[in-house]
C-alpha atoms as a PDB file:
ATOM      1  CA  MET A   1      18.842  -0.055 -18.071  1.00  0.00           C
ATOM      2  CA  MET A   2      17.770  -0.810 -20.997  1.00  0.00           C
ATOM      3  CA  ILE A   3      19.226  -4.283 -22.403  1.00  0.00           C
ATOM      4  CA  LYS A   4      19.316  -4.199 -26.410  1.00  0.00           C
ATOM      5  CA  ARG A   5      16.939  -7.342 -27.800  1.00  0.00           C
ATOM      6  CA  GLN A   6      18.019  -9.705 -29.913  1.00  0.00           C
ATOM      7  CA  GLN A   7      17.175  -8.910 -33.698  1.00  0.00           C
ATOM      8  CA  HIS A   8      13.811  -9.532 -35.255  1.00  0.00           C
ATOM      9  CA  ALA A   9      12.802 -11.090 -31.687  1.00  0.00           C
ATOM     10  CA  LEU A  10       9.078 -10.321 -31.081  1.00  0.00           C
ATOM     11  CA  GLN A  11       7.442  -8.871 -28.165  1.00  0.00           C
ATOM     12  CA  ILE A  12       3.645  -8.484 -27.221  1.00  0.00           C
ATOM     13  CA  ALA A  13       2.909  -6.803 -24.238  1.00  0.00           C
ATOM     14  CA  LEU A  14      -0.560  -7.482 -22.298  1.00  0.00           C
ATOM     15  CA  ASP A  15      -1.274  -5.137 -19.495  1.00  0.00           C
ATOM     16  CA  GLY A  16      -4.652  -4.460 -17.484  1.00  0.00           C
ATOM     17  CA  PRO A  17      -6.245  -5.209 -13.979  1.00  0.00           C
ATOM     18  CA  ALA A  18      -6.319  -8.619 -11.856  1.00  0.00           C
ATOM     19  CA  GLY A  19      -9.148 -10.677 -13.840  1.00  0.00           C
ATOM     20  CA  ALA A  20      -8.853  -9.323 -16.829  1.00  0.00           C
ATOM     21  CA  GLY A  21      -7.829 -12.721 -18.499  1.00  0.00           C
ATOM     22  CA  LYS A  22      -4.296 -11.641 -19.091  1.00  0.00           C
ATOM     23  CA  SER A  23      -2.402 -14.359 -18.331  1.00  0.00           C
ATOM     24  CA  THR A  24      -4.797 -16.984 -19.823  1.00  0.00           C
ATOM     25  CA  VAL A  25      -4.861 -15.227 -23.161  1.00  0.00           C
ATOM     26  CA  ALA A  26      -1.029 -14.590 -22.844  1.00  0.00           C
ATOM     27  CA  LYS A  27      -0.393 -18.289 -22.792  1.00  0.00           C
ATOM     28  CA  ILE A  28      -2.433 -19.213 -25.384  1.00  0.00           C
ATOM     29  CA  VAL A  29      -1.106 -16.450 -27.794  1.00  0.00           C
ATOM     30  CA  ALA A  30       2.683 -17.146 -26.825  1.00  0.00           C
ATOM     31  CA  GLU A  31       1.811 -21.311 -27.942  1.00  0.00           C
ATOM     32  CA  LYS A  32       0.537 -20.134 -30.917  1.00  0.00           C
ATOM     33  CA  LEU A  33       3.303 -18.149 -31.833  1.00  0.00           C
ATOM     34  CA  LYS A  34       5.729 -20.382 -30.600  1.00  0.00           C
ATOM     35  CA  LEU A  35       6.990 -17.398 -28.232  1.00  0.00           C
ATOM     36  CA  PHE A  36       8.608 -17.123 -24.706  1.00  0.00           C
ATOM     37  CA  TYR A  37       5.597 -16.672 -22.241  1.00  0.00           C
ATOM     38  CA  VAL A  38       6.865 -14.475 -19.141  1.00  0.00           C
ATOM     39  CA  ASP A  39       4.288 -14.601 -16.385  1.00  0.00           C
ATOM     40  CA  THR A  40       5.582 -11.032 -14.452  1.00  0.00           C
ATOM     41  CA  GLY A  41       2.539 -11.602 -12.216  1.00  0.00           C
ATOM     42  CA  ALA A  42       3.871 -14.981 -10.600  1.00  0.00           C
ATOM     43  CA  MET A  43       7.232 -12.911 -10.036  1.00  0.00           C
ATOM     44  CA  TYR A  44       5.668 -10.352  -7.720  1.00  0.00           C
ATOM     45  CA  ARG A  45       3.345 -12.794  -6.162  1.00  0.00           C
ATOM     46  CA  ALA A  46       6.424 -15.071  -5.276  1.00  0.00           C
ATOM     47  CA  ILE A  47       8.063 -12.307  -3.719  1.00  0.00           C
ATOM     48  CA  ALA A  48       4.927 -11.613  -1.529  1.00  0.00           C
ATOM     49  CA  TYR A  49       4.802 -15.397  -0.472  1.00  0.00           C
ATOM     50  CA  LYS A  50       8.166 -15.075   0.622  1.00  0.00           C
ATOM     51  CA  VAL A  51       7.492 -11.951   2.716  1.00  0.00           C
ATOM     52  CA  LEU A  52       4.611 -13.501   4.212  1.00  0.00           C
ATOM     53  CA  GLU A  53       6.076 -16.737   4.581  1.00  0.00           C
ATOM     54  CA  ILE A  54       9.003 -15.422   6.902  1.00  0.00           C
ATOM     55  CA  ASN A  55       6.416 -12.926   8.843  1.00  0.00           C
ATOM     56  CA  ALA A  56       8.385  -9.903   7.428  1.00  0.00           C
ATOM     57  CA  PRO A  57       6.102  -6.680   7.839  1.00  0.00           C
ATOM     58  CA  ILE A  58       4.716  -6.068   4.611  1.00  0.00           C
ATOM     59  CA  ASP A  59       4.682  -2.173   5.262  1.00  0.00           C
ATOM     60  CA  ASP A  60       8.666  -2.054   5.912  1.00  0.00           C
ATOM     61  CA  GLU A  61       9.528  -1.008   2.148  1.00  0.00           C
ATOM     62  CA  THR A  62      13.092  -1.381   2.791  1.00  0.00           C
ATOM     63  CA  ARG A  63      12.796  -5.120   4.468  1.00  0.00           C
ATOM     64  CA  VAL A  64      10.819  -5.845   1.433  1.00  0.00           C
ATOM     65  CA  SER A  65      12.787  -4.919  -0.858  1.00  0.00           C
ATOM     66  CA  GLN A  66      16.142  -6.393   0.539  1.00  0.00           C
ATOM     67  CA  ILE A  67      13.897  -9.550   0.245  1.00  0.00           C
ATOM     68  CA  ALA A  68      13.310  -9.023  -3.180  1.00  0.00           C
ATOM     69  CA  LYS A  69      16.755  -8.633  -3.642  1.00  0.00           C
ATOM     70  CA  GLU A  70      17.767 -11.901  -2.215  1.00  0.00           C
ATOM     71  CA  THR A  71      15.040 -14.242  -3.194  1.00  0.00           C
ATOM     72  CA  GLU A  72      15.568 -16.309  -6.411  1.00  0.00           C
ATOM     73  CA  VAL A  73      12.435 -16.617  -8.498  1.00  0.00           C
ATOM     74  CA  VAL A  74      12.606 -18.997 -11.419  1.00  0.00           C
ATOM     75  CA  LEU A  75       9.878 -19.744 -13.735  1.00  0.00           C
ATOM     76  CA  ASP A  76       9.659 -23.256 -15.361  1.00  0.00           C
ATOM     77  CA  HIS A  77       8.209 -22.560 -18.927  1.00  0.00           C
ATOM     78  CA  SER A  78       7.331 -26.267 -19.452  1.00  0.00           C
ATOM     79  CA  ASP A  79       3.539 -26.872 -20.466  1.00  0.00           C
ATOM     80  CA  LYS A  80       3.293 -27.056 -16.375  1.00  0.00           C
ATOM     81  CA  ARG A  81       4.472 -23.878 -15.849  1.00  0.00           C
ATOM     82  CA  ILE A  82       5.673 -24.288 -12.360  1.00  0.00           C
ATOM     83  CA  VAL A  83       7.131 -21.417 -10.396  1.00  0.00           C
ATOM     84  CA  TRP A  84       9.866 -21.868  -7.532  1.00  0.00           C
ATOM     85  CA  CYS A  85      10.678 -19.614  -5.005  1.00  0.00           C
ATOM     86  CA  ASP A  86      14.210 -20.178  -3.447  1.00  0.00           C
ATOM     87  CA  GLY A  87      13.757 -23.501  -4.730  1.00  0.00           C
ATOM     88  CA  GLU A  88      10.427 -24.212  -3.265  1.00  0.00           C
ATOM     89  CA  GLU A  89       7.324 -24.926  -5.778  1.00  0.00           C
ATOM     90  CA  VAL A  90       4.812 -22.452  -5.078  1.00  0.00           C
ATOM     91  CA  THR A  91       2.720 -22.305  -8.032  1.00  0.00           C
ATOM     92  CA  GLU A  92      -0.936 -22.926  -6.331  1.00  0.00           C
ATOM     93  CA  GLU A  93       0.237 -21.301  -2.957  1.00  0.00           C
ATOM     94  CA  ILE A  94       0.700 -18.029  -4.598  1.00  0.00           C
ATOM     95  CA  ARG A  95      -2.683 -17.523  -6.288  1.00  0.00           C
ATOM     96  CA  SER A  96      -4.209 -17.459  -2.383  1.00  0.00           C
ATOM     97  CA  PRO A  97      -6.560 -14.937  -1.621  1.00  0.00           C
ATOM     98  CA  GLU A  98      -3.531 -13.472   1.142  1.00  0.00           C
ATOM     99  CA  ILE A  99      -0.864 -13.185  -1.614  1.00  0.00           C
ATOM    100  CA  SER A 100      -3.715 -11.362  -3.741  1.00  0.00           C
ATOM    101  CA  ARG A 101      -4.292  -9.008  -0.863  1.00  0.00           C
ATOM    102  CA  ALA A 102      -0.427  -8.506  -0.429  1.00  0.00           C
ATOM    103  CA  VAL A 103       0.932  -8.157  -4.094  1.00  0.00           C
ATOM    104  CA  SER A 104       0.028  -4.621  -4.972  1.00  0.00           C
ATOM    105  CA  VAL A 105       1.690  -3.335  -1.688  1.00  0.00           C
ATOM    106  CA  VAL A 106       5.060  -5.416  -2.247  1.00  0.00           C
ATOM    107  CA  ALA A 107       4.980  -4.709  -6.151  1.00  0.00           C
ATOM    108  CA  SER A 108       4.477  -0.678  -5.338  1.00  0.00           C
ATOM    109  CA  TYR A 109       7.841  -0.471  -3.723  1.00  0.00           C
ATOM    110  CA  PRO A 110      10.612   0.872  -6.176  1.00  0.00           C
ATOM    111  CA  GLY A 111      13.188  -1.649  -5.023  1.00  0.00           C
ATOM    112  CA  VAL A 112      11.183  -4.818  -5.690  1.00  0.00           C
ATOM    113  CA  ARG A 113      10.066  -3.327  -9.051  1.00  0.00           C
ATOM    114  CA  GLU A 114      13.900  -2.598 -10.053  1.00  0.00           C
ATOM    115  CA  ARG A 115      14.973  -5.909  -9.400  1.00  0.00           C
ATOM    116  CA  LEU A 116      11.854  -7.683 -10.885  1.00  0.00           C
ATOM    117  CA  VAL A 117      11.975  -5.496 -14.273  1.00  0.00           C
ATOM    118  CA  GLU A 118      15.595  -5.965 -14.555  1.00  0.00           C
ATOM    119  CA  LEU A 119      14.896  -9.855 -14.677  1.00  0.00           C
ATOM    120  CA  GLN A 120      11.951  -9.562 -16.720  1.00  0.00           C
ATOM    121  CA  ARG A 121      14.002  -7.457 -19.307  1.00  0.00           C
ATOM    122  CA  LEU A 122      16.862 -10.034 -19.313  1.00  0.00           C
ATOM    123  CA  GLU A 123      14.020 -12.819 -20.148  1.00  0.00           C
ATOM    124  CA  ALA A 124      12.717 -10.750 -22.840  1.00  0.00           C
ATOM    125  CA  ASN A 125      15.765 -10.032 -24.798  1.00  0.00           C
ATOM    126  CA  ARG A 126      16.827 -13.844 -25.046  1.00  0.00           C
ATOM    127  CA  GLY A 127      14.238 -14.026 -27.656  1.00  0.00           C
ATOM    128  CA  GLY A 128      10.495 -13.141 -29.018  1.00  0.00           C
ATOM    129  CA  VAL A 129       8.168 -13.272 -25.890  1.00  0.00           C
ATOM    130  CA  VAL A 130       4.762 -12.586 -24.734  1.00  0.00           C
ATOM    131  CA  MET A 131       5.037 -10.796 -21.433  1.00  0.00           C
ATOM    132  CA  ASP A 132       1.632  -9.926 -19.031  1.00  0.00           C
ATOM    133  CA  GLY A 133       1.352  -7.687 -16.606  1.00  0.00           C
ATOM    134  CA  ARG A 134       0.450  -4.021 -15.281  1.00  0.00           C
ATOM    135  CA  ASP A 135       3.288  -1.914 -16.965  1.00  0.00           C
ATOM    136  CA  ILE A 136       4.568  -4.078 -19.905  1.00  0.00           C
ATOM    137  CA  GLY A 137       4.082  -1.451 -22.361  1.00  0.00           C
ATOM    138  CA  THR A 138       4.438   1.488 -20.511  1.00  0.00           C
ATOM    139  CA  TYR A 139       7.805   0.808 -18.432  1.00  0.00           C
ATOM    140  CA  VAL A 140       9.188  -2.509 -18.651  1.00  0.00           C
ATOM    141  CA  LEU A 141       9.206  -3.070 -22.558  1.00  0.00           C
ATOM    142  CA  PRO A 142       8.232   0.295 -23.970  1.00  0.00           C
ATOM    143  CA  GLU A 143       9.533  -0.667 -27.406  1.00  0.00           C
ATOM    144  CA  ALA A 144       7.264  -3.861 -27.622  1.00  0.00           C
ATOM    145  CA  ASP A 145       6.083  -4.260 -30.945  1.00  0.00           C
ATOM    146  CA  PHE A 146       2.425  -5.133 -29.946  1.00  0.00           C
ATOM    147  CA  LYS A 147       0.797  -3.732 -26.825  1.00  0.00           C
ATOM    148  CA  PHE A 148      -2.616  -4.661 -25.939  1.00  0.00           C
ATOM    149  CA  PHE A 149      -4.612  -3.534 -22.549  1.00  0.00           C
ATOM    150  CA  LEU A 150      -7.122  -6.149 -21.376  1.00  0.00           C
ATOM    151  CA  THR A 151     -10.106  -4.972 -19.571  1.00  0.00           C
ATOM    152  CA  ALA A 152     -13.535  -6.105 -18.075  1.00  0.00           C
ATOM    153  CA  THR A 153     -15.933  -5.014 -15.384  1.00  0.00           C
ATOM    154  CA  PRO A 154     -14.886  -5.325 -12.090  1.00  0.00           C
ATOM    155  CA  GLU A 155     -17.816  -7.874 -11.344  1.00  0.00           C
ATOM    156  CA  GLU A 156     -16.901 -10.231 -14.249  1.00  0.00           C
ATOM    157  CA  ARG A 157     -13.076 -10.023 -13.325  1.00  0.00           C
ATOM    158  CA  ALA A 158     -14.254 -10.906  -9.435  1.00  0.00           C
ATOM    159  CA  ARG A 159     -16.158 -13.949 -10.841  1.00  0.00           C
ATOM    160  CA  ARG A 160     -13.490 -15.023 -12.953  1.00  0.00           C
ATOM    161  CA  ARG A 161     -11.046 -15.174 -10.240  1.00  0.00           C
ATOM    162  CA  TRP A 162     -13.455 -16.795  -7.604  1.00  0.00           C
ATOM    163  CA  LEU A 163     -13.642 -19.592 -10.059  1.00  0.00           C
ATOM    164  CA  GLU A 164     -10.130 -19.855 -10.597  1.00  0.00           C
ATOM    165  CA  LEU A 165      -9.680 -20.193  -6.621  1.00  0.00           C
ATOM    166  CA  ALA A 166     -12.517 -22.725  -6.739  1.00  0.00           C
ATOM    167  CA  LYS A 167     -10.752 -25.106  -9.239  1.00  0.00           C
ATOM    168  CA  ILE A 168      -7.653 -25.186  -6.883  1.00  0.00           C
ATOM    169  CA  GLY A 169      -9.900 -26.158  -4.084  1.00  0.00           C
ATOM    170  CA  LYS A 170     -10.138 -22.719  -2.216  1.00  0.00           C
ATOM    171  CA  GLU A 171     -13.432 -21.443  -1.293  1.00  0.00           C
ATOM    172  CA  VAL A 172     -13.647 -17.828  -0.880  1.00  0.00           C
ATOM    173  CA  PRO A 173     -16.856 -15.937  -0.836  1.00  0.00           C
ATOM    174  CA  LEU A 174     -17.532 -13.962  -3.915  1.00  0.00           C
ATOM    175  CA  GLN A 175     -18.001 -10.881  -2.185  1.00  0.00           C
ATOM    176  CA  GLU A 176     -14.639 -10.958  -0.356  1.00  0.00           C
ATOM    177  CA  VAL A 177     -12.867 -11.537  -3.734  1.00  0.00           C
ATOM    178  CA  THR A 178     -14.748  -8.713  -5.278  1.00  0.00           C
ATOM    179  CA  GLN A 179     -13.884  -6.315  -2.450  1.00  0.00           C
ATOM    180  CA  ASP A 180     -10.128  -7.516  -2.632  1.00  0.00           C
ATOM    181  CA  MET A 181     -10.168  -6.927  -6.232  1.00  0.00           C
ATOM    182  CA  VAL A 182     -11.507  -3.420  -6.195  1.00  0.00           C
ATOM    183  CA  GLU A 183      -8.934  -2.540  -3.450  1.00  0.00           C
ATOM    184  CA  ARG A 184      -6.140  -4.064  -5.499  1.00  0.00           C
ATOM    185  CA  ASP A 185      -7.391  -2.085  -8.310  1.00  0.00           C
ATOM    186  CA  ARG A 186      -6.903   1.455  -6.149  1.00  0.00           C
ATOM    187  CA  LEU A 187      -3.360   0.384  -4.954  1.00  0.00           C
ATOM    188  CA  ASP A 188      -2.351  -0.445  -8.856  1.00  0.00           C
ATOM    189  CA  THR A 189      -3.932   2.846 -10.223  1.00  0.00           C
ATOM    190  CA  GLU A 190      -2.713   5.310  -7.365  1.00  0.00           C
ATOM    191  CA  ARG A 191       0.822   3.927  -6.783  1.00  0.00           C
ATOM    192  CA  GLU A 192       3.442   6.303  -7.751  1.00  0.00           C
ATOM    193  CA  VAL A 193       5.946   3.743  -9.373  1.00  0.00           C
ATOM    194  CA  SER A 194       4.623   2.586 -12.862  1.00  0.00           C
ATOM    195  CA  PRO A 195       0.763   3.009 -12.245  1.00  0.00           C
ATOM    196  CA  LEU A 196      -1.512   0.562 -14.087  1.00  0.00           C
ATOM    197  CA  ARG A 197      -2.727   2.406 -17.218  1.00  0.00           C
ATOM    198  CA  PRO A 198      -2.855   1.806 -21.101  1.00  0.00           C
ATOM    199  CA  ALA A 199       0.034   2.680 -22.864  1.00  0.00           C
ATOM    200  CA  GLU A 200      -0.665   5.533 -25.156  1.00  0.00           C
ATOM    201  CA  ASP A 201      -0.232   3.144 -28.237  1.00  0.00           C
ATOM    202  CA  ALA A 202      -1.919   0.199 -26.934  1.00  0.00           C
ATOM    203  CA  ILE A 203      -4.785  -1.341 -28.227  1.00  0.00           C
ATOM    204  CA  ILE A 204      -7.832  -1.511 -25.658  1.00  0.00           C
ATOM    205  CA  LEU A 205      -9.913  -4.743 -25.277  1.00  0.00           C
ATOM    206  CA  ASP A 206     -12.668  -5.003 -23.304  1.00  0.00           C
ATOM    207  CA  THR A 207     -13.119  -8.968 -22.254  1.00  0.00           C
ATOM    208  CA  THR A 208     -16.230  -8.321 -20.613  1.00  0.00           C
ATOM    209  CA  GLY A 209     -18.523 -11.564 -22.147  1.00  0.00           C
ATOM    210  CA  ILE A 210     -15.866 -12.439 -24.621  1.00  0.00           C
ATOM    211  CA  GLY A 211     -14.654 -16.154 -24.830  1.00  0.00           C
ATOM    212  CA  ILE A 212     -10.946 -16.639 -24.402  1.00  0.00           C
ATOM    213  CA  ASN A 213     -10.673 -18.124 -27.781  1.00  0.00           C
ATOM    214  CA  GLU A 214     -12.470 -15.107 -29.279  1.00  0.00           C
ATOM    215  CA  LEU A 215     -10.088 -13.096 -27.609  1.00  0.00           C
ATOM    216  CA  VAL A 216      -7.213 -14.697 -28.697  1.00  0.00           C
ATOM    217  CA  THR A 217      -8.173 -15.042 -32.100  1.00  0.00           C
ATOM    218  CA  LYS A 218      -8.657 -11.501 -32.229  1.00  0.00           C
ATOM    219  CA  ILE A 219      -5.269 -10.665 -30.910  1.00  0.00           C
ATOM    220  CA  LEU A 220      -3.482 -12.876 -33.587  1.00  0.00           C
ATOM    221  CA  THR A 221      -5.340 -11.721 -36.166  1.00  0.00           C
ATOM    222  CA  LEU A 222      -3.785  -8.074 -35.124  1.00  0.00           C
ATOM    223  CA  VAL A 223      -0.380  -9.350 -34.637  1.00  0.00           C
ATOM    224  CA  GLN A 224      -0.254 -11.473 -38.106  1.00  0.00           C
ATOM    225  CA  GLY A 225      -1.795  -8.596 -40.122  1.00  0.00           C
ATOM    226  CA  GLY A 226      -4.790 -10.342 -41.203  1.00  0.00           C
END
């Protein structure tokens, strides 16, 4: 179900594979343009966290979809960007390798996606937003004003994720992170429901070797028509 958005509410969609820099870029762009940032990946990770927390079988699509319908996921859009799952703060927990491995499976279930896409569209239509994910420009916000697809080499993306984990005290071998990244790419691109792919009208940006500031400047220039 499509929900009519507020008039003149700017919508920017950023899609791409894991580790392409979407979340970091989206947060900064949203801040610069004074827009609302919706981290869809965190929402899916929260559901994956819930499934693992209650030891539900991740390959039971019916059970996982029901969990998604019953789970409350709230994004605190303050500077701290806290993620709540049924009243529990899970901001750091949802970034673990275990969740990274589980989230693509969870996100492939139509029941899960249907519920979260509904919530994402509601968030988007409350005002101007920057939303990042894997199917924002193709499915969640097909009428977005600007669509960007960020990508990078698998090695570069794995290195970035490895550094992210190290910052929060999770020591994981780079090889393991790389293997997880390759498998997640496969699941994301081969799933039947809203597979990872650029929208036909998306602007593709290869972020390999490009600093965050340079990438943000490029996107802001395109959005502001400079």
